[in-house]
Amino acid sequence: MDARKEVHTFVRVKPTADFAQDMIKFGPDNKSIDIHIKKDAKKGVVNNRQTDWSFRLDGVLHNTSQELVYETVAEKLVSEALTGCNGN
């Protein structure tokens, strides 16, 4: 039996009244997220700060219910822990 375990990553994004629609883009497969922050013009033309990030994940939960988040992320883990197994 392989002792290594996979780490699964998810991100939950909850839109708010001032949600940054122009800064956050979700991949069509719901497994990636791109973040872009516009350069601050006040800091001059040469601004070497990072403005773009891309993340590959096991899932993006955008505007989903708490129940769906639990079912997707934690239900199997909690069930295994309650039966005495290490969560996988």
C-alpha atoms as a PDB file:
ATOM      1  CA  MET A   1       0.000   0.000   0.000  1.00  0.00           C
ATOM      2  CA  ASP A   2       1.347   3.431  -0.950  1.00  0.00           C
ATOM      3  CA  ALA A   3       1.687   5.592   2.172  1.00  0.00           C
ATOM      4  CA  ARG A   4       1.631   8.845   0.198  1.00  0.00           C
ATOM      5  CA  LYS A   5      -1.638  10.717   0.119  1.00  0.00           C
ATOM      6  CA  GLU A   6      -2.782  13.244  -2.400  1.00  0.00           C
ATOM      7  CA  VAL A   7      -3.586  16.735  -1.284  1.00  0.00           C
ATOM      8  CA  HIS A   8      -6.723  18.076  -2.924  1.00  0.00           C
ATOM      9  CA  THR A   9      -7.195  21.799  -3.344  1.00  0.00           C
ATOM     10  CA  PHE A  10     -10.420  23.713  -3.745  1.00  0.00           C
ATOM     11  CA  VAL A  11     -11.261  27.381  -3.655  1.00  0.00           C
ATOM     12  CA  ARG A  12     -14.633  28.765  -2.679  1.00  0.00           C
ATOM     13  CA  VAL A  13     -15.491  32.166  -4.085  1.00  0.00           C
ATOM     14  CA  LYS A  14     -18.473  33.982  -2.639  1.00  0.00           C
ATOM     15  CA  PRO A  15     -19.561  37.015  -4.648  1.00  0.00           C
ATOM     16  CA  THR A  16     -20.182  40.166  -2.688  1.00  0.00           C
ATOM     17  CA  ALA A  17     -21.635  43.535  -3.606  1.00  0.00           C
ATOM     18  CA  ASP A  18     -18.164  44.682  -4.649  1.00  0.00           C
ATOM     19  CA  PHE A  19     -16.999  41.381  -6.192  1.00  0.00           C
ATOM     20  CA  ALA A  20     -13.970  41.878  -8.427  1.00  0.00           C
ATOM     21  CA  GLN A  21     -15.460  40.543 -11.688  1.00  0.00           C
ATOM     22  CA  ASP A  22     -12.708  42.116 -13.780  1.00  0.00           C
ATOM     23  CA  MET A  23      -9.916  40.676 -11.612  1.00  0.00           C
ATOM     24  CA  ILE A  24     -10.974  37.036 -11.228  1.00  0.00           C
ATOM     25  CA  LYS A  25     -11.632  34.636 -14.116  1.00  0.00           C
ATOM     26  CA  PHE A  26     -12.615  31.004 -13.762  1.00  0.00           C
ATOM     27  CA  GLY A  27     -11.491  28.324 -16.199  1.00  0.00           C
ATOM     28  CA  PRO A  28     -14.149  26.616 -18.307  1.00  0.00           C
ATOM     29  CA  ASP A  29     -13.361  23.293 -16.604  1.00  0.00           C
ATOM     30  CA  ASN A  30     -14.049  24.769 -13.123  1.00  0.00           C
ATOM     31  CA  LYS A  31     -10.562  23.647 -12.104  1.00  0.00           C
ATOM     32  CA  SER A  32      -8.560  26.795 -12.587  1.00  0.00           C
ATOM     33  CA  ILE A  33      -8.646  30.401 -11.505  1.00  0.00           C
ATOM     34  CA  ASP A  34      -6.746  33.393 -12.904  1.00  0.00           C
ATOM     35  CA  ILE A  35      -6.266  36.594 -10.954  1.00  0.00           C
ATOM     36  CA  HIS A  36      -5.189  39.847 -12.595  1.00  0.00           C
ATOM     37  CA  ILE A  37      -4.524  43.075 -10.727  1.00  0.00           C
ATOM     38  CA  LYS A  38      -4.163  46.194 -12.837  1.00  0.00           C
ATOM     39  CA  LYS A  39      -0.934  48.142 -12.505  1.00  0.00           C
ATOM     40  CA  ASP A  40      -1.148  51.241 -10.355  1.00  0.00           C
ATOM     41  CA  ALA A  41      -0.511  54.226 -12.668  1.00  0.00           C
ATOM     42  CA  LYS A  42       0.526  56.326  -9.655  1.00  0.00           C
ATOM     43  CA  LYS A  43       3.599  54.129  -9.208  1.00  0.00           C
ATOM     44  CA  GLY A  44       4.985  55.050 -12.629  1.00  0.00           C
ATOM     45  CA  VAL A  45       5.525  53.290 -15.932  1.00  0.00           C
ATOM     46  CA  VAL A  46       8.162  50.922 -14.569  1.00  0.00           C
ATOM     47  CA  ASN A  47       6.400  48.814 -11.988  1.00  0.00           C
ATOM     48  CA  ASN A  48       7.837  45.339 -11.534  1.00  0.00           C
ATOM     49  CA  ARG A  49       5.213  44.057  -9.129  1.00  0.00           C
ATOM     50  CA  GLN A  50       3.530  40.799 -10.042  1.00  0.00           C
ATOM     51  CA  THR A  51       0.051  41.374 -11.449  1.00  0.00           C
ATOM     52  CA  ASP A  52      -1.029  37.926 -12.670  1.00  0.00           C
ATOM     53  CA  TRP A  53      -1.493  34.611 -10.901  1.00  0.00           C
ATOM     54  CA  SER A  54      -2.905  31.327 -12.218  1.00  0.00           C
ATOM     55  CA  PHE A  55      -3.870  28.356 -10.086  1.00  0.00           C
ATOM     56  CA  ARG A  56      -4.835  24.791 -11.088  1.00  0.00           C
ATOM     57  CA  LEU A  57      -7.097  23.179  -8.512  1.00  0.00           C
ATOM     58  CA  ASP A  58      -9.261  20.136  -7.979  1.00  0.00           C
ATOM     59  CA  GLY A  59     -12.277  22.409  -8.093  1.00  0.00           C
ATOM     60  CA  VAL A  60     -13.565  25.952  -7.995  1.00  0.00           C
ATOM     61  CA  LEU A  61     -16.740  26.392  -5.979  1.00  0.00           C
ATOM     62  CA  HIS A  62     -18.171  29.682  -7.155  1.00  0.00           C
ATOM     63  CA  ASN A  63     -21.383  30.960  -5.634  1.00  0.00           C
ATOM     64  CA  THR A  64     -22.266  27.534  -4.218  1.00  0.00           C
ATOM     65  CA  SER A  65     -24.164  26.573  -1.101  1.00  0.00           C
ATOM     66  CA  GLN A  66     -22.517  25.475   2.124  1.00  0.00           C
ATOM     67  CA  GLU A  67     -24.143  22.064   1.610  1.00  0.00           C
ATOM     68  CA  LEU A  68     -22.512  21.614  -1.809  1.00  0.00           C
ATOM     69  CA  VAL A  69     -19.143  22.718  -0.409  1.00  0.00           C
ATOM     70  CA  TYR A  70     -19.436  20.120   2.359  1.00  0.00           C
ATOM     71  CA  GLU A  71     -20.513  17.367  -0.055  1.00  0.00           C
ATOM     72  CA  THR A  72     -17.676  18.151  -2.447  1.00  0.00           C
ATOM     73  CA  VAL A  73     -14.831  18.786  -0.020  1.00  0.00           C
ATOM     74  CA  ALA A  74     -15.452  17.178   3.347  1.00  0.00           C
ATOM     75  CA  GLU A  75     -18.217  14.577   3.374  1.00  0.00           C
ATOM     76  CA  LYS A  76     -16.015  11.552   2.528  1.00  0.00           C
ATOM     77  CA  LEU A  77     -13.267  12.699   4.904  1.00  0.00           C
ATOM     78  CA  VAL A  78     -15.677  13.211   7.824  1.00  0.00           C
ATOM     79  CA  SER A  79     -17.420   9.899   7.158  1.00  0.00           C
ATOM     80  CA  GLU A  80     -14.109   7.994   7.185  1.00  0.00           C
ATOM     81  CA  ALA A  81     -12.977   9.746  10.360  1.00  0.00           C
ATOM     82  CA  LEU A  82     -16.218   8.847  12.126  1.00  0.00           C
ATOM     83  CA  THR A  83     -15.752   5.158  11.249  1.00  0.00           C
ATOM     84  CA  GLY A  84     -12.261   5.200  12.741  1.00  0.00           C
ATOM     85  CA  CYS A  85     -10.235   5.489   9.537  1.00  0.00           C
ATOM     86  CA  ASN A  86      -7.742   8.171   8.740  1.00  0.00           C
ATOM     87  CA  GLY A  87      -9.327  10.674   6.408  1.00  0.00           C
ATOM     88  CA  ASN A  88      -8.228  10.145   2.818  1.00  0.00           C
END
